[in-house]
Amino acid sequence: MVDFPQLELDAQLCLPLYAAARGVTRRYAEALGGVGLTYPQYVTMLALWDADAPLTVGEVGERLHLDSGTLTPVLKRLESAGFVVRRRDAVDERRVRIEVTERGEELRPKVADVPERVWHGMGLAPADVVQLRTLLDRLLLGLDASPSA
């Protein structure tokens, strides 16, 4: 039998990344259950709250690393809930701008403690969280800059 150490499960980066992402997302879902947001809706609202002006669907997708086909259903549900409105751009009607409504702004203080609740009990010190975020940002930049395998 030929030995393939590169195929050993413990040598893989993909498994702990996948398992950690699922676990963190599950924690966010638990923390968000009381306000009726899903994790994708939550991060979409974060992107919109961060902006100084309404964002296009493409801009939101860029911030969240999502394509418009994935993002559009999330935006439709947020609009149905009254948290955002979608409007055609007055200059370029092919573009749709997303604006947070008053009801969407009222949601912000209700989720302000979510990050702290999610990270509590994960076994990471604040410095670990900063380091992990830095490494993940670098990983995302590398993935975005390099062609797919």
Protein backbone atom coordinates (compact mmCIF):
# COMPACT_ATOMS: atom_id res chain seq x y z
CA MET A 1 0.00 0.00 0.00
CA VAL A 2 1.28 3.46 -0.92
CA ASP A 3 1.38 5.98 1.92
CA PHE A 4 -0.42 9.31 1.34
CA PRO A 5 0.28 11.46 4.44
CA GLN A 6 -1.19 14.52 2.72
CA LEU A 7 -4.56 12.69 2.75
CA GLU A 8 -4.59 12.06 6.50
CA LEU A 9 -7.63 13.64 8.11
CA ASP A 10 -5.54 15.29 10.82
CA ALA A 11 -3.42 16.99 8.13
CA GLN A 12 -6.40 18.74 6.55
CA LEU A 13 -7.21 22.42 7.06
CA CYS A 14 -10.65 22.08 5.49
CA LEU A 15 -12.22 19.95 8.22
CA PRO A 16 -11.53 22.18 11.24
CA LEU A 17 -12.49 25.26 9.21
CA TYR A 18 -15.75 23.65 8.11
CA ALA A 19 -16.59 22.31 11.58
CA ALA A 20 -15.72 25.62 13.25
CA ALA A 21 -17.79 27.61 10.74
CA ARG A 22 -20.78 25.35 11.32
CA GLY A 23 -20.37 25.60 15.10
CA VAL A 24 -20.06 29.37 15.11
CA THR A 25 -23.03 29.74 12.76
CA ARG A 26 -25.07 27.46 15.03
CA ARG A 27 -24.19 29.68 18.02
CA TYR A 28 -25.28 32.77 16.10
CA ALA A 29 -28.55 31.09 15.15
CA GLU A 30 -29.23 30.33 18.82
CA ALA A 31 -28.39 33.90 19.85
CA LEU A 32 -30.57 35.39 17.10
CA GLY A 33 -33.61 33.19 17.66
CA GLY A 34 -35.21 35.69 20.02
CA VAL A 35 -35.25 38.48 17.43
CA GLY A 36 -36.31 36.34 14.49
CA LEU A 37 -33.23 36.77 12.33
CA THR A 38 -31.27 34.05 10.61
CA TYR A 39 -27.49 34.23 10.50
CA PRO A 40 -27.46 35.36 6.81
CA GLN A 41 -30.04 38.05 7.62
CA TYR A 42 -27.97 39.19 10.61
CA VAL A 43 -24.73 39.63 8.65
CA THR A 44 -26.66 41.38 5.89
CA MET A 45 -28.05 43.84 8.42
CA LEU A 46 -24.53 44.36 9.82
CA ALA A 47 -23.27 45.25 6.34
CA LEU A 48 -26.11 47.70 5.84
CA TRP A 49 -25.73 49.27 9.29
CA ASP A 50 -22.01 49.81 8.60
CA ALA A 51 -22.72 51.78 5.44
CA ASP A 52 -23.10 55.55 5.32
CA ALA A 53 -25.67 55.29 2.51
CA PRO A 54 -27.86 52.65 0.91
CA LEU A 55 -25.83 49.90 -0.74
CA THR A 56 -26.44 48.12 -4.00
CA VAL A 57 -27.08 44.39 -3.95
CA GLY A 58 -23.63 43.94 -5.48
CA GLU A 59 -21.97 46.00 -2.75
CA VAL A 60 -23.69 43.99 -0.03
CA GLY A 61 -22.69 40.77 -1.78
CA GLU A 62 -19.09 41.94 -2.01
CA ARG A 63 -18.99 42.73 1.72
CA LEU A 64 -20.48 39.32 2.58
CA HIS A 65 -18.66 37.24 -0.07
CA LEU A 66 -22.04 36.20 -1.52
CA ASP A 67 -23.39 36.27 -5.05
CA SER A 68 -26.66 38.02 -5.86
CA GLY A 69 -28.47 34.71 -6.35
CA THR A 70 -27.76 33.78 -2.75
CA LEU A 71 -28.30 37.27 -1.38
CA THR A 72 -31.57 38.16 -3.14
CA PRO A 73 -33.77 35.72 -1.14
CA VAL A 74 -32.23 37.02 2.10
CA LEU A 75 -33.00 40.60 1.09
CA LYS A 76 -36.55 39.67 0.10
CA ARG A 77 -37.16 38.13 3.54
CA LEU A 78 -35.67 41.18 5.27
CA GLU A 79 -37.92 43.40 3.18
CA SER A 80 -40.98 41.26 3.99
CA ALA A 81 -40.13 41.64 7.68
CA GLY A 82 -39.98 45.42 7.25
CA PHE A 83 -36.26 45.77 8.06
CA VAL A 84 -35.14 47.02 4.64
CA VAL A 85 -36.54 48.44 1.43
CA ARG A 86 -35.21 47.70 -2.04
CA ARG A 87 -35.38 50.48 -4.61
CA ARG A 88 -34.17 50.83 -8.17
CA ASP A 89 -31.27 53.25 -8.51
CA ALA A 90 -32.51 56.53 -9.99
CA VAL A 91 -29.41 56.88 -12.19
CA ASP A 92 -29.06 53.24 -13.26
CA GLU A 93 -32.29 51.26 -13.02
CA ARG A 94 -30.41 47.98 -13.42
CA ARG A 95 -29.06 48.48 -9.91
CA VAL A 96 -31.10 47.90 -6.77
CA ARG A 97 -30.23 49.84 -3.64
CA ILE A 98 -30.96 48.50 -0.18
CA GLU A 99 -31.90 50.87 2.61
CA VAL A 100 -32.49 50.09 6.27
CA THR A 101 -35.95 51.12 7.49
CA GLU A 102 -36.81 52.63 10.85
CA ARG A 103 -37.90 49.16 11.98
CA GLY A 104 -34.51 47.84 10.83
CA GLU A 105 -32.73 50.50 12.87
CA GLU A 106 -34.82 49.54 15.91
CA LEU A 107 -33.42 46.02 15.56
CA ARG A 108 -29.81 47.13 16.07
CA PRO A 109 -29.87 47.54 19.87
CA LYS A 110 -31.71 44.22 20.17
CA VAL A 111 -28.75 42.38 18.64
CA ALA A 112 -25.93 44.49 20.11
CA ASP A 113 -24.99 41.78 22.62
CA VAL A 114 -25.00 38.93 20.08
CA PRO A 115 -21.23 38.93 19.35
CA GLU A 116 -20.37 38.81 23.05
CA ARG A 117 -22.92 36.06 23.73
CA VAL A 118 -21.65 34.01 20.79
CA TRP A 119 -17.98 34.25 21.73
CA HIS A 120 -18.57 33.69 25.45
CA GLY A 121 -17.53 30.18 26.36
CA MET A 122 -15.68 29.41 23.12
CA GLY A 123 -12.35 29.13 24.87
CA LEU A 124 -10.77 32.08 23.08
CA ALA A 125 -9.22 35.08 24.77
CA PRO A 126 -9.90 38.49 23.20
CA ALA A 127 -6.38 38.47 21.73
CA ASP A 128 -7.09 35.06 20.16
CA VAL A 129 -10.22 36.46 18.52
CA VAL A 130 -8.24 39.37 17.04
CA GLN A 131 -5.52 37.02 15.78
CA LEU A 132 -8.05 34.59 14.32
CA ARG A 133 -9.89 37.41 12.54
CA THR A 134 -6.58 38.66 11.09
CA LEU A 135 -5.70 35.19 9.79
CA LEU A 136 -9.17 34.63 8.33
CA ASP A 137 -9.09 38.03 6.60
CA ARG A 138 -5.71 37.10 5.08
CA LEU A 139 -7.11 33.73 3.98
CA LEU A 140 -10.10 35.39 2.31
CA LEU A 141 -7.85 37.86 0.52
CA GLY A 142 -5.72 34.99 -0.75
CA LEU A 143 -8.74 33.04 -1.90
CA ASP A 144 -10.16 36.08 -3.70
CA ALA A 145 -6.82 36.86 -5.36
CA SER A 146 -5.98 33.37 -6.60
CA PRO A 147 -7.72 31.41 -9.33
CA SER A 148 -9.79 28.38 -8.36
CA ALA A 149 -8.08 25.00 -8.44
